[in-house]
Full PDB file with SEQRES, HELIX, SHEET, SSBOND, CRYST1, ORIGX, SCALE, CONECT and MASTER records, all heavy atoms in Angstrom:
SEQRES   1 A   32  VAL ASP GLU LEU SER ALA TYR ALA GLY ALA ARG VAL ARG          
SEQRES   2 A   32  GLU ARG GLY GLY VAL GLN PRO THR ARG ALA MET PHE ALA          
SEQRES   3 A   32  ARG LEU PRO VAL TRP MET                                      
HELIX    1 AA1 ASP A    2  GLY A    9  1                                   8    
HELIX    2 AA2 PRO A   20  ARG A   27  5                                   8    
CRYST1    1.000    1.000    1.000  90.00  90.00  90.00 P 1           1          
ORIGX1      1.000000  0.000000  0.000000        0.00000                         
ORIGX2      0.000000  1.000000  0.000000        0.00000                         
ORIGX3      0.000000  0.000000  1.000000        0.00000                         
SCALE1      1.000000  0.000000  0.000000        0.00000                         
SCALE2      0.000000  1.000000  0.000000        0.00000                         
SCALE3      0.000000  0.000000  1.000000        0.00000                         
ATOM      1  N   VAL A   1       0.843  -1.201   0.000  1.00  0.00           N  
ATOM      2  CA  VAL A   1       0.000   0.000   0.000  1.00  0.00           C  
ATOM      3  C   VAL A   1       0.878   1.251   0.000  1.00  0.00           C  
ATOM      4  O   VAL A   1       0.608   2.209  -0.732  1.00  0.00           O  
ATOM      5  CB  VAL A   1      -0.969   0.006   1.209  1.00  0.00           C  
ATOM      6  CG1 VAL A   1      -1.677   1.343   1.334  1.00  0.00           C  
ATOM      7  CG2 VAL A   1      -1.981  -1.112   1.093  1.00  0.00           C  
ATOM      8  N   ASP A   2       1.953   1.240   0.804  1.00  0.00           N  
ATOM      9  CA  ASP A   2       2.857   2.396   0.856  1.00  0.00           C  
ATOM     10  C   ASP A   2       3.499   2.661  -0.502  1.00  0.00           C  
ATOM     11  O   ASP A   2       3.579   3.808  -0.952  1.00  0.00           O  
ATOM     12  CB  ASP A   2       3.952   2.177   1.903  1.00  0.00           C  
ATOM     13  CG  ASP A   2       3.400   2.156   3.318  1.00  0.00           C  
ATOM     14  OD1 ASP A   2       2.297   2.693   3.533  1.00  0.00           O  
ATOM     15  OD2 ASP A   2       4.078   1.603   4.203  1.00  0.00           O  
ATOM     16  N   GLU A   3       3.965   1.596  -1.159  1.00  0.00           N  
ATOM     17  CA  GLU A   3       4.605   1.749  -2.467  1.00  0.00           C  
ATOM     18  C   GLU A   3       3.618   2.270  -3.512  1.00  0.00           C  
ATOM     19  O   GLU A   3       3.936   3.159  -4.306  1.00  0.00           O  
ATOM     20  CB  GLU A   3       5.203   0.424  -2.939  1.00  0.00           C  
ATOM     21  CG  GLU A   3       6.359  -0.059  -2.097  1.00  0.00           C  
ATOM     22  CD  GLU A   3       7.597   0.794  -2.278  1.00  0.00           C  
ATOM     23  OE1 GLU A   3       7.809   1.322  -3.389  1.00  0.00           O  
ATOM     24  OE2 GLU A   3       8.351   0.938  -1.308  1.00  0.00           O  
ATOM     25  N   LEU A   4       2.413   1.712  -3.506  1.00  0.00           N  
ATOM     26  CA  LEU A   4       1.395   2.163  -4.459  1.00  0.00           C  
ATOM     27  C   LEU A   4       0.991   3.612  -4.199  1.00  0.00           C  
ATOM     28  O   LEU A   4       0.776   4.386  -5.139  1.00  0.00           O  
ATOM     29  CB  LEU A   4       0.172   1.251  -4.409  1.00  0.00           C  
ATOM     30  CG  LEU A   4       0.364  -0.156  -4.951  1.00  0.00           C  
ATOM     31  CD1 LEU A   4      -0.869  -1.013  -4.667  1.00  0.00           C  
ATOM     32  CD2 LEU A   4       0.663  -0.134  -6.441  1.00  0.00           C  
ATOM     33  N   SER A   5       0.905   3.991  -2.923  1.00  0.00           N  
ATOM     34  CA  SER A   5       0.549   5.369  -2.580  1.00  0.00           C  
ATOM     35  C   SER A   5       1.618   6.343  -3.058  1.00  0.00           C  
ATOM     36  O   SER A   5       1.303   7.413  -3.577  1.00  0.00           O  
ATOM     37  CB  SER A   5       0.368   5.516  -1.067  1.00  0.00           C  
ATOM     38  OG  SER A   5      -0.731   4.784  -0.621  1.00  0.00           O  
ATOM     39  N   ALA A   6       2.879   5.964  -2.865  1.00  0.00           N  
ATOM     40  CA  ALA A   6       3.972   6.833  -3.305  1.00  0.00           C  
ATOM     41  C   ALA A   6       3.947   6.997  -4.824  1.00  0.00           C  
ATOM     42  O   ALA A   6       4.145   8.099  -5.346  1.00  0.00           O  
ATOM     43  CB  ALA A   6       5.316   6.260  -2.849  1.00  0.00           C  
ATOM     44  N   TYR A   7       3.669   5.912  -5.538  1.00  0.00           N  
ATOM     45  CA  TYR A   7       3.626   5.978  -7.002  1.00  0.00           C  
ATOM     46  C   TYR A   7       2.423   6.776  -7.490  1.00  0.00           C  
ATOM     47  O   TYR A   7       2.543   7.654  -8.347  1.00  0.00           O  
ATOM     48  CB  TYR A   7       3.601   4.571  -7.592  1.00  0.00           C  
ATOM     49  CG  TYR A   7       3.615   4.564  -9.093  1.00  0.00           C  
ATOM     50  CD1 TYR A   7       4.795   4.737  -9.796  1.00  0.00           C  
ATOM     51  CD2 TYR A   7       2.442   4.393  -9.819  1.00  0.00           C  
ATOM     52  CE1 TYR A   7       4.815   4.743 -11.183  1.00  0.00           C  
ATOM     53  CE2 TYR A   7       2.452   4.404 -11.202  1.00  0.00           C  
ATOM     54  CZ  TYR A   7       3.639   4.574 -11.870  1.00  0.00           C  
ATOM     55  OH  TYR A   7       3.662   4.582 -13.240  1.00  0.00           O  
ATOM     56  N   ALA A   8       1.247   6.466  -6.938  1.00  0.00           N  
ATOM     57  CA  ALA A   8       0.027   7.140  -7.391  1.00  0.00           C  
ATOM     58  C   ALA A   8       0.040   8.621  -7.021  1.00  0.00           C  
ATOM     59  O   ALA A   8      -0.495   9.453  -7.751  1.00  0.00           O  
ATOM     60  CB  ALA A   8      -1.200   6.464  -6.796  1.00  0.00           C  
ATOM     61  N   GLY A   9       0.657   8.961  -5.908  1.00  0.00           N  
ATOM     62  CA  GLY A   9       0.680  10.345  -5.456  1.00  0.00           C  
ATOM     63  C   GLY A   9       1.753  11.204  -6.097  1.00  0.00           C  
ATOM     64  O   GLY A   9       1.743  12.423  -5.939  1.00  0.00           O  
ATOM     65  N   ALA A  10       2.677  10.589  -6.815  1.00  0.00           N  
ATOM     66  CA  ALA A  10       3.767  11.350  -7.439  1.00  0.00           C  
ATOM     67  C   ALA A  10       3.237  12.208  -8.578  1.00  0.00           C  
ATOM     68  O   ALA A  10       2.487  11.736  -9.433  1.00  0.00           O  
ATOM     69  CB  ALA A  10       4.834  10.392  -7.956  1.00  0.00           C  
ATOM     70  N   ARG A  11       3.637  13.459  -8.602  1.00  0.00           N  
ATOM     71  CA  ARG A  11       3.224  14.361  -9.674  1.00  0.00           C  
ATOM     72  C   ARG A  11       4.055  14.133 -10.930  1.00  0.00           C  
ATOM     73  O   ARG A  11       3.579  14.317 -12.037  1.00  0.00           O  
ATOM     74  CB  ARG A  11       3.359  15.813  -9.230  1.00  0.00           C  
ATOM     75  CG  ARG A  11       2.494  16.157  -8.056  1.00  0.00           C  
ATOM     76  CD  ARG A  11       1.063  16.263  -8.473  1.00  0.00           C  
ATOM     77  NE  ARG A  11       0.256  16.585  -7.290  1.00  0.00           N  
ATOM     78  CZ  ARG A  11      -1.044  16.575  -7.301  1.00  0.00           C  
ATOM     79  NH1 ARG A  11      -1.686  16.273  -8.393  1.00  0.00           N  
ATOM     80  NH2 ARG A  11      -1.709  16.845  -6.223  1.00  0.00           N  
ATOM     81  N   VAL A  12       5.320  13.757 -10.748  1.00  0.00           N  
ATOM     82  CA  VAL A  12       6.218  13.486 -11.874  1.00  0.00           C  
ATOM     83  C   VAL A  12       6.795  12.089 -11.668  1.00  0.00           C  
ATOM     84  O   VAL A  12       7.334  11.784 -10.620  1.00  0.00           O  
ATOM     85  CB  VAL A  12       7.367  14.525 -11.941  1.00  0.00           C  
ATOM     86  CG1 VAL A  12       8.322  14.173 -13.066  1.00  0.00           C  
ATOM     87  CG2 VAL A  12       6.806  15.914 -12.116  1.00  0.00           C  
ATOM     88  N   ARG A  13       6.665  11.254 -12.681  1.00  0.00           N  
ATOM     89  CA  ARG A  13       7.186   9.882 -12.604  1.00  0.00           C  
ATOM     90  C   ARG A  13       8.327   9.751 -13.595  1.00  0.00           C  
ATOM     91  O   ARG A  13       8.124   9.801 -14.801  1.00  0.00           O  
ATOM     92  CB  ARG A  13       6.082   8.883 -12.929  1.00  0.00           C  
ATOM     93  CG  ARG A  13       4.957   8.961 -11.925  1.00  0.00           C  
ATOM     94  CD  ARG A  13       3.863   8.002 -12.284  1.00  0.00           C  
ATOM     95  NE  ARG A  13       2.736   8.210 -11.387  1.00  0.00           N  
ATOM     96  CZ  ARG A  13       1.485   8.095 -11.732  1.00  0.00           C  
ATOM     97  NH1 ARG A  13       1.174   7.759 -12.969  1.00  0.00           N  
ATOM     98  NH2 ARG A  13       0.528   8.294 -10.861  1.00  0.00           N  
ATOM     99  N   GLU A  14       9.517   9.568 -13.069  1.00  0.00           N  
ATOM    100  CA  GLU A  14      10.692   9.454 -13.916  1.00  0.00           C  
ATOM    101  C   GLU A  14      10.964   8.004 -14.248  1.00  0.00           C  
ATOM    102  O   GLU A  14      10.775   7.119 -13.422  1.00  0.00           O  
ATOM    103  CB  GLU A  14      11.901  10.070 -13.208  1.00  0.00           C  
ATOM    104  CG  GLU A  14      11.711  11.546 -12.948  1.00  0.00           C  
ATOM    105  CD  GLU A  14      12.884  12.149 -12.219  1.00  0.00           C  
ATOM    106  OE1 GLU A  14      13.878  11.431 -12.011  1.00  0.00           O  
ATOM    107  OE2 GLU A  14      12.800  13.332 -11.863  1.00  0.00           O  
ATOM    108  N   ARG A  15      11.431   7.755 -15.460  1.00  0.00           N  
ATOM    109  CA  ARG A  15      11.690   6.392 -15.908  1.00  0.00           C  
ATOM    110  C   ARG A  15      13.130   5.947 -15.718  1.00  0.00           C  
ATOM    111  O   ARG A  15      13.432   4.785 -15.753  1.00  0.00           O  
ATOM    112  CB  ARG A  15      11.345   6.256 -17.384  1.00  0.00           C  
ATOM    113  CG  ARG A  15       9.881   6.376 -17.646  1.00  0.00           C  
ATOM    114  CD  ARG A  15       9.625   6.213 -19.116  1.00  0.00           C  
ATOM    115  NE  ARG A  15       8.206   6.345 -19.375  1.00  0.00           N  
ATOM    116  CZ  ARG A  15       7.521   5.481 -20.093  1.00  0.00           C  
ATOM    117  NH1 ARG A  15       8.119   4.475 -20.657  1.00  0.00           N  
ATOM    118  NH2 ARG A  15       6.242   5.648 -20.270  1.00  0.00           N  
ATOM    119  N   GLY A  16      14.054   6.872 -15.557  1.00  0.00           N  
ATOM    120  CA  GLY A  16      15.470   6.535 -15.492  1.00  0.00           C  
ATOM    121  C   GLY A  16      15.822   5.722 -14.255  1.00  0.00           C  
ATOM    122  O   GLY A  16      15.250   5.877 -13.181  1.00  0.00           O  
ATOM    123  N   GLY A  17      16.805   4.813 -14.404  1.00  0.00           N  
ATOM    124  CA  GLY A  17      17.307   4.047 -13.266  1.00  0.00           C  
ATOM    125  C   GLY A  17      16.293   3.131 -12.627  1.00  0.00           C  
ATOM    126  O   GLY A  17      16.173   3.099 -11.413  1.00  0.00           O  
ATOM    127  N   VAL A  18      15.567   2.382 -13.418  1.00  0.00           N  
ATOM    128  CA  VAL A  18      14.541   1.484 -12.886  1.00  0.00           C  
ATOM    129  C   VAL A  18      15.202   0.342 -12.126  1.00  0.00           C  
ATOM    130  O   VAL A  18      16.104  -0.310 -12.619  1.00  0.00           O  
ATOM    131  CB  VAL A  18      13.656   0.932 -14.024  1.00  0.00           C  
ATOM    132  CG1 VAL A  18      12.660  -0.062 -13.490  1.00  0.00           C  
ATOM    133  CG2 VAL A  18      12.961   2.063 -14.740  1.00  0.00           C  
ATOM    134  N   GLN A  19      14.765   0.139 -10.912  1.00  0.00           N  
ATOM    135  CA  GLN A  19      15.267  -0.961 -10.089  1.00  0.00           C  
ATOM    136  C   GLN A  19      14.394  -2.183 -10.333  1.00  0.00           C  
ATOM    137  O   GLN A  19      13.199  -2.057 -10.624  1.00  0.00           O  
ATOM    138  CB  GLN A  19      15.215  -0.580  -8.619  1.00  0.00           C  
ATOM    139  CG  GLN A  19      16.068   0.625  -8.288  1.00  0.00           C  
ATOM    140  CD  GLN A  19      15.826   1.091  -6.868  1.00  0.00           C  
ATOM    141  OE1 GLN A  19      14.918   0.634  -6.199  1.00  0.00           O  
ATOM    142  NE2 GLN A  19      16.645   2.019  -6.420  1.00  0.00           N  
ATOM    143  N   PRO A  20      14.955  -3.374 -10.178  1.00  0.00           N  
ATOM    144  CA  PRO A  20      14.157  -4.589 -10.413  1.00  0.00           C  
ATOM    145  C   PRO A  20      12.915  -4.673  -9.534  1.00  0.00           C  
ATOM    146  O   PRO A  20      11.887  -5.176  -9.947  1.00  0.00           O  
ATOM    147  CB  PRO A  20      15.121  -5.721 -10.083  1.00  0.00           C  
ATOM    148  CG  PRO A  20      16.473  -5.136 -10.149  1.00  0.00           C  
ATOM    149  CD  PRO A  20      16.335  -3.672  -9.865  1.00  0.00           C  
ATOM    150  N   THR A  21      12.982  -4.148  -8.304  1.00  0.00           N  
ATOM    151  CA  THR A  21      11.828  -4.217  -7.416  1.00  0.00           C  
ATOM    152  C   THR A  21      10.736  -3.239  -7.820  1.00  0.00           C  
ATOM    153  O   THR A  21       9.628  -3.330  -7.337  1.00  0.00           O  
ATOM    154  CB  THR A  21      12.245  -3.943  -5.966  1.00  0.00           C  
ATOM    155  OG1 THR A  21      12.867  -2.665  -5.914  1.00  0.00           O  
ATOM    156  CG2 THR A  21      13.178  -5.006  -5.460  1.00  0.00           C  
ATOM    157  N   ARG A  22      11.055  -2.300  -8.690  1.00  0.00           N  
ATOM    158  CA  ARG A  22      10.080  -1.316  -9.148  1.00  0.00           C  
ATOM    159  C   ARG A  22       9.376  -1.769 -10.427  1.00  0.00           C  
ATOM    160  O   ARG A  22       8.636  -1.000 -11.019  1.00  0.00           O  
ATOM    161  CB  ARG A  22      10.760   0.029  -9.400  1.00  0.00           C  
ATOM    162  CG  ARG A  22      11.488   0.568  -8.211  1.00  0.00           C  
ATOM    163  CD  ARG A  22      10.536   1.196  -7.273  1.00  0.00           C  
ATOM    164  NE  ARG A  22      11.290   1.780  -6.162  1.00  0.00           N  
ATOM    165  CZ  ARG A  22      10.726   2.165  -5.069  1.00  0.00           C  
ATOM    166  NH1 ARG A  22       9.437   2.054  -4.911  1.00  0.00           N  
ATOM    167  NH2 ARG A  22      11.433   2.671  -4.096  1.00  0.00           N  
ATOM    168  N   ALA A  23       9.611  -2.983 -10.863  1.00  0.00           N  
ATOM    169  CA  ALA A  23       9.025  -3.477 -12.105  1.00  0.00           C  
ATOM    170  C   ALA A  23       7.508  -3.579 -12.018  1.00  0.00           C  
ATOM    171  O   ALA A  23       6.829  -3.591 -13.031  1.00  0.00           O  
ATOM    172  CB  ALA A  23       9.621  -4.830 -12.481  1.00  0.00           C  
ATOM    173  N   MET A  24       6.956  -3.628 -10.816  1.00  0.00           N  
ATOM    174  CA  MET A  24       5.507  -3.759 -10.677  1.00  0.00           C  
ATOM    175  C   MET A  24       4.780  -2.523 -11.208  1.00  0.00           C  
ATOM    176  O   MET A  24       3.659  -2.610 -11.667  1.00  0.00           O  
ATOM    177  CB  MET A  24       5.114  -4.011  -9.230  1.00  0.00           C  
ATOM    178  CG  MET A  24       5.218  -2.845  -8.320  1.00  0.00           C  
ATOM    179  SD  MET A  24       4.524  -3.254  -6.720  1.00  0.00           S  
ATOM    180  CE  MET A  24       5.105  -1.885  -5.774  1.00  0.00           C  
ATOM    181  N   PHE A  25       5.434  -1.362 -11.169  1.00  0.00           N  
ATOM    182  CA  PHE A  25       4.764  -0.149 -11.609  1.00  0.00           C  
ATOM    183  C   PHE A  25       4.492  -0.157 -13.106  1.00  0.00           C  
ATOM    184  O   PHE A  25       3.498   0.390 -13.569  1.00  0.00           O  
ATOM    185  CB  PHE A  25       5.570   1.084 -11.213  1.00  0.00           C  
ATOM    186  CG  PHE A  25       5.731   1.207  -9.724  1.00  0.00           C  
ATOM    187  CD1 PHE A  25       6.980   1.366  -9.166  1.00  0.00           C  
ATOM    188  CD2 PHE A  25       4.636   1.147  -8.884  1.00  0.00           C  
ATOM    189  CE1 PHE A  25       7.135   1.479  -7.798  1.00  0.00           C  
ATOM    190  CE2 PHE A  25       4.777   1.248  -7.520  1.00  0.00           C  
ATOM    191  CZ  PHE A  25       6.037   1.413  -6.972  1.00  0.00           C  
ATOM    192  N   ALA A  26       5.346  -0.782 -13.869  1.00  0.00           N  
ATOM    193  CA  ALA A  26       5.126  -0.880 -15.312  1.00  0.00           C  
ATOM    194  C   ALA A  26       3.934  -1.776 -15.617  1.00  0.00           C  
ATOM    195  O   ALA A  26       3.306  -1.644 -16.664  1.00  0.00           O  
ATOM    196  CB  ALA A  26       6.372  -1.423 -15.997  1.00  0.00           C  
ATOM    197  N   ARG A  27       3.603  -2.678 -14.704  1.00  0.00           N  
ATOM    198  CA  ARG A  27       2.512  -3.625 -14.923  1.00  0.00           C  
ATOM    199  C   ARG A  27       1.178  -3.179 -14.311  1.00  0.00           C  
ATOM    200  O   ARG A  27       0.198  -3.911 -14.398  1.00  0.00           O  
ATOM    201  CB  ARG A  27       2.908  -4.982 -14.348  1.00  0.00           C  
ATOM    202  CG  ARG A  27       4.072  -5.600 -15.067  1.00  0.00           C  
ATOM    203  CD  ARG A  27       4.390  -6.968 -14.478  1.00  0.00           C  
ATOM    204  NE  ARG A  27       5.487  -7.569 -15.180  1.00  0.00           N  
ATOM    205  CZ  ARG A  27       6.736  -7.600 -14.741  1.00  0.00           C  
ATOM    206  NH1 ARG A  27       7.048  -7.044 -13.592  1.00  0.00           N  
ATOM    207  NH2 ARG A  27       7.682  -8.186 -15.433  1.00  0.00           N  
ATOM    208  N   LEU A  28       1.168  -2.041 -13.682  1.00  0.00           N  
ATOM    209  CA  LEU A  28      -0.081  -1.560 -13.098  1.00  0.00           C  
ATOM    210  C   LEU A  28      -1.099  -1.263 -14.190  1.00  0.00           C  
ATOM    211  O   LEU A  28      -0.728  -0.852 -15.292  1.00  0.00           O  
ATOM    212  CB  LEU A  28       0.155  -0.290 -12.281  1.00  0.00           C  
ATOM    213  CG  LEU A  28       0.872  -0.458 -10.951  1.00  0.00           C  
ATOM    214  CD1 LEU A  28       1.115   0.913 -10.331  1.00  0.00           C  
ATOM    215  CD2 LEU A  28       0.096  -1.337 -10.009  1.00  0.00           C  
ATOM    216  N   PRO A  29      -2.375  -1.452 -13.911  1.00  0.00           N  
ATOM    217  CA  PRO A  29      -3.391  -1.137 -14.918  1.00  0.00           C  
ATOM    218  C   PRO A  29      -3.419   0.369 -15.219  1.00  0.00           C  
ATOM    219  O   PRO A  29      -3.103   1.199 -14.368  1.00  0.00           O  
ATOM    220  CB  PRO A  29      -4.697  -1.599 -14.280  1.00  0.00           C  
ATOM    221  CG  PRO A  29      -4.414  -1.818 -12.853  1.00  0.00           C  
ATOM    222  CD  PRO A  29      -2.954  -1.995 -12.684  1.00  0.00           C  
ATOM    223  N   VAL A  30      -3.816   0.704 -16.413  1.00  0.00           N  
ATOM    224  CA  VAL A  30      -3.818   2.097 -16.871  1.00  0.00           C  
ATOM    225  C   VAL A  30      -4.709   2.966 -15.992  1.00  0.00           C  
ATOM    226  O   VAL A  30      -4.368   4.116 -15.703  1.00  0.00           O  
ATOM    227  CB  VAL A  30      -4.256   2.163 -18.353  1.00  0.00           C  
ATOM    228  CG1 VAL A  30      -4.396   3.593 -18.813  1.00  0.00           C  
ATOM    229  CG2 VAL A  30      -3.261   1.422 -19.213  1.00  0.00           C  
ATOM    230  N   TRP A  31      -5.832   2.443 -15.542  1.00  0.00           N  
ATOM    231  CA  TRP A  31      -6.745   3.260 -14.743  1.00  0.00           C  
ATOM    232  C   TRP A  31      -6.095   3.723 -13.440  1.00  0.00           C  
ATOM    233  O   TRP A  31      -6.444   4.780 -12.920  1.00  0.00           O  
ATOM    234  CB  TRP A  31      -8.058   2.528 -14.470  1.00  0.00           C  
ATOM    235  CG  TRP A  31      -7.953   1.300 -13.616  1.00  0.00           C  
ATOM    236  CD1 TRP A  31      -7.789   0.014 -14.058  1.00  0.00           C  
ATOM    237  CD2 TRP A  31      -8.022   1.224 -12.197  1.00  0.00           C  
ATOM    238  NE1 TRP A  31      -7.736  -0.847 -12.994  1.00  0.00           N  
ATOM    239  CE2 TRP A  31      -7.881  -0.127 -11.836  1.00  0.00           C  
ATOM    240  CE3 TRP A  31      -8.178   2.165 -11.183  1.00  0.00           C  
ATOM    241  CZ2 TRP A  31      -7.891  -0.566 -10.523  1.00  0.00           C  
ATOM    242  CZ3 TRP A  31      -8.193   1.731  -9.867  1.00  0.00           C  
ATOM    243  CH2 TRP A  31      -8.060   0.381  -9.551  1.00  0.00           C  
ATOM    244  N   MET A  32      -5.141   2.969 -12.904  1.00  0.00           N  
ATOM    245  CA  MET A  32      -4.451   3.386 -11.686  1.00  0.00           C  
ATOM    246  C   MET A  32      -3.415   4.474 -11.973  1.00  0.00           C  
ATOM    247  O   MET A  32      -3.082   5.261 -11.099  1.00  0.00           O  
ATOM    248  CB  MET A  32      -3.743   2.204 -11.023  1.00  0.00           C  
ATOM    249  CG  MET A  32      -4.666   1.274 -10.297  1.00  0.00           C  
ATOM    250  SD  MET A  32      -3.772  -0.036  -9.460  1.00  0.00           S  
ATOM    251  CE  MET A  32      -3.033   0.868  -8.125  1.00  0.00           C  
TER     252      MET A  32                                                      
MASTER        0    0    0    2    0    0    0    6  251    1    0    3          
END                                                                             
């Protein structure tokens, strides 16, 4: 929940330096 909140609440989402544990964000549904 904390990770999803941080991602959803971010105003700017940068793509550089993707960590392996952050791969879930690329797979989130578009509506989120």
